Amino acid sequence: MVKPEDEPGAADARLVGSDRVLALLIELARRPDGASLDDLAVALDSAKSTVHRALGSLTRSGLATRESLGRYAVSDEFLRLAFTYQESRPEAARVMPALRQLAERFGEIAHYGVLEGGDVVYRAKVDPAAGSIRLTSYIGGRNPARATAMGKAILAHRLATTAEALEWAADHPVEQRTAHTLTDDAEWAKDIALVRERGFAVDDQENEPGINCVAVRVVTPSGEGALSVSALAYRTPLSTLIDSVDDLRAVAVSIV
């Protein structure tokens, strides 16, 4: 007799063994205030006894900790490993001086990111010494490439024609994140052509309301990416960023 768990494809739909432990670690990482065993069992759709065993694996390895009132959270050791890895990446060592220079020059947030599929992934970020703003960007975070200056700066180099831009846009639709988001494929393709022509990209409050951005593509020994400066629109208008884009280009060229 074939049991349900033995049916083809059944194992793929369940979290088993190491998959469950990894899923639990990811869930804990989404909960900075920690989570109870009950919360985690519901989130993973698993029995409490099963989740408890997985928590045991994480706590024994030092990647999770049991806090007061029976709540679990990722451990300081997990954070240490993550930050150590990030700081030791060759590309971080190359771009951080440039980002610090940009943050000081513009008094705004400087980013470095790469393209993965239809998203920009933020690999490094530097806040200005004063007047920092809260953005949706964070190290390892993602935003749609179509709605970000960094994404457009990279894509303009990869998509050499309007036809290619239209095809890419059709494969990567974007939601109306703000009133300025270019959701129309034809309009977006025109914007990409403009980026190719002038050698830099802008995000005119397309990804976040009240935030504008200018970006240029960079190529380092680690690969292709983009540098950007993101600013509050009322404090640093987009026109100001564009007028100073040569400063951004000069910093980008300095990365070796």
Protein backbone atom coordinates (compact mmCIF):
# COMPACT_ATOMS: atom_id res chain seq x y z
CA MET A 1 0.00 0.00 0.00
CA VAL A 2 1.36 3.40 -0.94
CA LYS A 3 1.18 5.92 1.90
CA PRO A 4 0.37 9.57 1.09
CA GLU A 5 3.90 10.69 1.96
CA ASP A 6 5.27 8.14 -0.53
CA GLU A 7 3.31 9.53 -3.44
CA PRO A 8 5.36 11.26 -6.15
CA GLY A 9 5.91 14.93 -5.36
CA ALA A 10 4.64 14.65 -1.77
CA ALA A 11 8.09 15.23 -0.25
CA ASP A 12 8.53 18.40 -2.31
CA ALA A 13 5.46 19.94 -0.65
CA ARG A 14 6.64 19.25 2.92
CA LEU A 15 9.45 20.73 4.97
CA VAL A 16 11.67 17.86 6.04
CA GLY A 17 14.98 17.56 7.81
CA SER A 18 17.46 20.30 6.97
CA ASP A 19 14.88 22.10 4.84
CA ARG A 20 12.74 22.63 7.94
CA VAL A 21 15.68 23.91 9.97
CA LEU A 22 16.61 26.38 7.25
CA ALA A 23 13.00 27.52 6.84
CA LEU A 24 12.84 28.06 10.59
CA LEU A 25 16.03 30.15 10.55
CA ILE A 26 14.60 32.31 7.76
CA GLU A 27 11.35 32.76 9.68
CA LEU A 28 13.23 33.80 12.82
CA ALA A 29 15.25 36.30 10.79
CA ARG A 30 11.96 37.95 9.79
CA ARG A 31 11.02 38.43 13.44
CA PRO A 32 13.39 40.84 15.22
CA ASP A 33 11.23 40.68 18.36
CA GLY A 34 11.46 36.91 18.45
CA ALA A 35 8.66 34.36 18.23
CA SER A 36 7.06 31.69 20.38
CA LEU A 37 6.96 28.01 19.56
CA ASP A 38 3.26 28.34 18.77
CA ASP A 39 3.90 31.26 16.38
CA LEU A 40 6.60 29.34 14.54
CA ALA A 41 4.54 26.16 14.29
CA VAL A 42 1.72 28.13 12.66
CA ALA A 43 4.10 29.99 10.33
CA LEU A 44 5.71 26.75 9.13
CA ASP A 45 2.47 24.75 9.19
CA SER A 46 4.20 22.08 11.25
CA ALA A 47 3.59 20.27 14.52
CA LYS A 48 5.00 21.98 17.61
CA SER A 49 7.07 18.91 18.46
CA THR A 50 8.64 19.01 15.00
CA VAL A 51 9.42 22.70 15.20
CA HIS A 52 10.81 22.23 18.72
CA ARG A 53 13.32 19.68 17.40
CA ALA A 54 14.37 22.07 14.65
CA LEU A 55 14.78 24.85 17.21
CA GLY A 56 17.00 22.49 19.18
CA SER A 57 19.27 22.13 16.16
CA LEU A 58 19.53 25.90 15.77
CA THR A 59 20.15 26.61 19.44
CA ARG A 60 22.78 23.87 19.74
CA SER A 61 24.62 25.30 16.73
CA GLY A 62 24.49 28.77 18.27
CA LEU A 63 22.43 30.27 15.44
CA ALA A 64 19.33 30.83 17.59
CA THR A 65 18.70 31.55 21.24
CA ARG A 66 15.83 30.95 23.66
CA GLU A 67 14.93 34.21 25.33
CA SER A 68 12.63 35.02 28.23
CA LEU A 69 8.99 33.96 28.19
CA GLY A 70 9.75 31.09 25.84
CA ARG A 71 10.47 33.23 22.80
CA TYR A 72 13.15 32.34 20.27
CA ALA A 73 15.30 34.68 18.15
CA VAL A 74 18.35 34.58 15.93
CA SER A 75 21.50 34.75 18.00
CA ASP A 76 24.33 37.26 18.18
CA GLU A 77 26.54 34.58 16.68
CA PHE A 78 24.29 34.42 13.62
CA LEU A 79 24.59 38.21 13.26
CA ARG A 80 28.35 38.06 13.74
CA LEU A 81 28.70 35.51 10.96
CA ALA A 82 26.48 37.53 8.62
CA PHE A 83 28.28 40.82 9.23
CA THR A 84 31.71 39.21 9.03
CA TYR A 85 30.81 37.64 5.71
CA GLN A 86 29.44 40.91 4.34
CA GLU A 87 32.49 42.92 5.41
CA SER A 88 34.92 40.36 3.98
CA ARG A 89 33.36 40.24 0.51
CA PRO A 90 35.84 41.66 -2.02
CA GLU A 91 33.23 43.89 -3.64
CA ALA A 92 32.33 45.46 -0.29
CA ALA A 93 35.95 46.37 0.33
CA ARG A 94 36.10 47.96 -3.12
CA VAL A 95 32.89 49.98 -3.01
CA MET A 96 32.70 51.12 0.62
CA PRO A 97 35.27 53.94 0.23
CA ALA A 98 33.31 55.19 -2.81
CA LEU A 99 30.01 55.04 -0.92
CA ARG A 100 31.46 56.94 2.04
CA GLN A 101 32.76 59.58 -0.35
CA LEU A 102 29.35 59.93 -2.01
CA ALA A 103 27.47 60.10 1.30
CA GLU A 104 29.80 62.87 2.44
CA ARG A 105 29.68 64.74 -0.88
CA PHE A 106 25.89 64.72 -1.24
CA GLY A 107 24.82 64.44 2.40
CA GLU A 108 22.47 61.65 1.32
CA ILE A 109 22.37 57.84 1.28
CA ALA A 110 24.72 56.04 -1.11
CA HIS A 111 24.05 52.50 -2.37
CA TYR A 112 25.78 49.77 -4.31
CA GLY A 113 23.64 47.05 -5.85
CA VAL A 114 23.56 44.30 -8.44
CA LEU A 115 20.89 42.87 -10.71
CA GLU A 116 19.36 39.48 -9.91
CA GLY A 117 16.51 38.49 -12.18
CA GLY A 118 14.01 41.33 -12.15
CA ASP A 119 15.29 42.86 -8.91
CA VAL A 120 18.09 45.05 -7.67
CA VAL A 121 19.80 43.52 -4.63
CA TYR A 122 21.52 45.96 -2.27
CA ARG A 123 25.04 44.82 -1.46
CA ALA A 124 26.34 47.89 0.39
CA LYS A 125 24.94 51.11 1.84
CA VAL A 126 26.32 54.18 3.62
CA ASP A 127 24.22 56.72 5.47
CA PRO A 128 25.30 60.36 5.70
CA ALA A 129 26.77 61.64 8.96
CA ALA A 130 23.59 63.62 9.70
CA GLY A 131 20.03 63.86 8.44
CA SER A 132 19.65 60.19 7.49
CA ILE A 133 16.30 59.03 6.13
CA ARG A 134 14.57 55.66 6.39
CA LEU A 135 14.27 53.83 3.07
CA THR A 136 13.01 50.39 2.12
CA SER A 137 16.57 49.50 1.08
CA TYR A 138 18.74 47.36 3.34
CA ILE A 139 21.73 45.09 2.79
CA GLY A 140 20.46 41.99 1.03
CA GLY A 141 17.10 43.61 0.34
CA ARG A 142 15.43 43.82 -3.05
CA ASN A 143 13.45 46.32 -5.09
CA PRO A 144 12.10 46.03 -8.64
CA ALA A 145 14.84 46.92 -11.14
CA ARG A 146 12.28 48.66 -13.34
CA ALA A 147 11.48 51.22 -10.64
CA THR A 148 15.02 51.93 -9.42
CA ALA A 149 17.80 54.06 -10.86
CA MET A 150 20.36 51.34 -10.19
CA GLY A 151 18.30 48.74 -12.01
CA LYS A 152 17.81 50.99 -15.01
CA ALA A 153 21.51 51.92 -15.11
CA ILE A 154 22.46 48.25 -15.40
CA LEU A 155 19.63 47.27 -17.74
CA ALA A 156 20.33 50.12 -20.17
CA HIS A 157 23.70 48.51 -20.88
CA ARG A 158 22.25 45.02 -21.27
CA LEU A 159 19.23 46.00 -23.38
CA ALA A 160 20.78 47.47 -26.49
CA THR A 161 17.57 48.16 -28.43
CA THR A 162 14.01 49.26 -27.79
CA ALA A 163 12.80 45.82 -28.85
CA GLU A 164 14.99 44.18 -26.20
CA ALA A 165 13.77 46.63 -23.57
CA LEU A 166 10.14 45.93 -24.47
CA GLU A 167 10.70 42.19 -24.30
CA TRP A 168 12.38 42.46 -20.89
CA ALA A 169 9.62 44.72 -19.59
CA ALA A 170 6.95 42.28 -20.74
CA ASP A 171 8.70 39.50 -18.82
CA HIS A 172 9.08 41.67 -15.69
CA PRO A 173 5.88 43.64 -15.02
CA VAL A 174 5.95 46.07 -12.10
CA GLU A 175 3.23 47.19 -9.71
CA GLN A 176 2.20 50.82 -9.35
CA ARG A 177 4.41 51.50 -6.34
CA THR A 178 3.91 55.27 -6.52
CA ALA A 179 2.10 57.74 -8.76
CA HIS A 180 5.35 58.06 -10.74
CA THR A 181 6.09 54.37 -11.38
CA LEU A 182 6.44 53.65 -15.10
CA THR A 183 4.20 50.61 -15.42
CA ASP A 184 3.65 51.13 -19.17
CA ASP A 185 6.23 49.03 -21.04
CA ALA A 186 6.57 51.47 -23.94
CA GLU A 187 7.17 54.44 -21.65
CA TRP A 188 9.70 52.45 -19.66
CA ALA A 189 11.53 51.41 -22.85
CA LYS A 190 11.79 55.10 -23.81
CA ASP A 191 13.27 55.84 -20.41
CA ILE A 192 15.86 53.07 -20.89
CA ALA A 193 16.82 54.56 -24.25
CA LEU A 194 17.38 57.90 -22.52
CA VAL A 195 19.57 56.21 -19.91
CA ARG A 196 21.71 54.68 -22.67
CA GLU A 197 22.00 58.08 -24.34
CA ARG A 198 23.12 60.12 -21.34
CA GLY A 199 24.96 57.44 -19.35
CA PHE A 200 23.07 57.67 -16.06
CA ALA A 201 19.65 56.72 -14.70
CA VAL A 202 17.18 58.45 -12.44
CA ASP A 203 14.34 57.35 -10.19
CA ASP A 204 11.94 60.27 -9.95
CA GLN A 205 9.97 59.01 -6.92
CA GLU A 206 9.19 55.83 -8.86
CA ASN A 207 10.08 53.36 -6.11
CA GLU A 208 9.23 55.34 -2.97
CA PRO A 209 7.14 58.50 -2.60
CA GLY A 210 9.27 61.56 -1.83
CA ILE A 211 12.55 59.83 -2.67
CA ASN A 212 14.52 60.47 -5.85
CA CYS A 213 17.73 58.86 -6.98
CA VAL A 214 20.48 59.02 -9.58
CA ALA A 215 22.70 56.06 -10.50
CA VAL A 216 25.52 54.98 -12.80
CA ARG A 217 26.66 51.52 -13.85
CA VAL A 218 30.00 50.28 -12.54
CA VAL A 219 32.12 47.25 -13.35
CA THR A 220 34.53 45.89 -10.75
CA PRO A 221 36.63 42.70 -10.70
CA SER A 222 33.69 41.21 -8.77
CA GLY A 223 31.26 41.94 -11.60
CA GLU A 224 28.67 44.42 -12.79
CA GLY A 225 26.66 46.67 -10.51
CA ALA A 226 25.59 50.26 -9.96
CA LEU A 227 26.26 53.15 -7.59
CA SER A 228 23.47 55.49 -6.57
CA VAL A 229 22.64 58.46 -4.38
CA SER A 230 19.12 58.51 -2.89
CA ALA A 231 17.69 61.72 -1.47
CA LEU A 232 14.60 63.33 -0.04
CA ALA A 233 13.01 65.16 -2.96
CA TYR A 234 12.20 68.28 -0.93
CA ARG A 235 15.75 68.49 0.45
CA THR A 236 17.78 67.53 -2.62
CA PRO A 237 15.69 67.90 -5.79
CA LEU A 238 16.31 65.53 -8.67
CA SER A 239 17.64 68.42 -10.74
CA THR A 240 20.38 68.94 -8.14
CA LEU A 241 21.39 65.30 -8.32
CA ILE A 242 21.48 65.42 -12.12
CA ASP A 243 23.56 68.62 -12.10
CA SER A 244 26.14 66.80 -9.94
CA VAL A 245 26.11 63.48 -11.80
CA ASP A 246 29.70 64.03 -12.97
CA ASP A 247 30.77 63.77 -9.32
CA LEU A 248 29.01 60.40 -9.12
CA ARG A 249 30.71 59.27 -12.33
CA ALA A 250 34.12 60.31 -11.03
CA VAL A 251 33.65 58.28 -7.86
CA ALA A 252 32.46 55.28 -9.87
CA VAL A 253 35.56 55.40 -12.06
CA SER A 254 37.76 55.41 -8.95
CA ILE A 255 36.61 51.92 -7.92
CA VAL A 256 39.32 49.37 -8.72
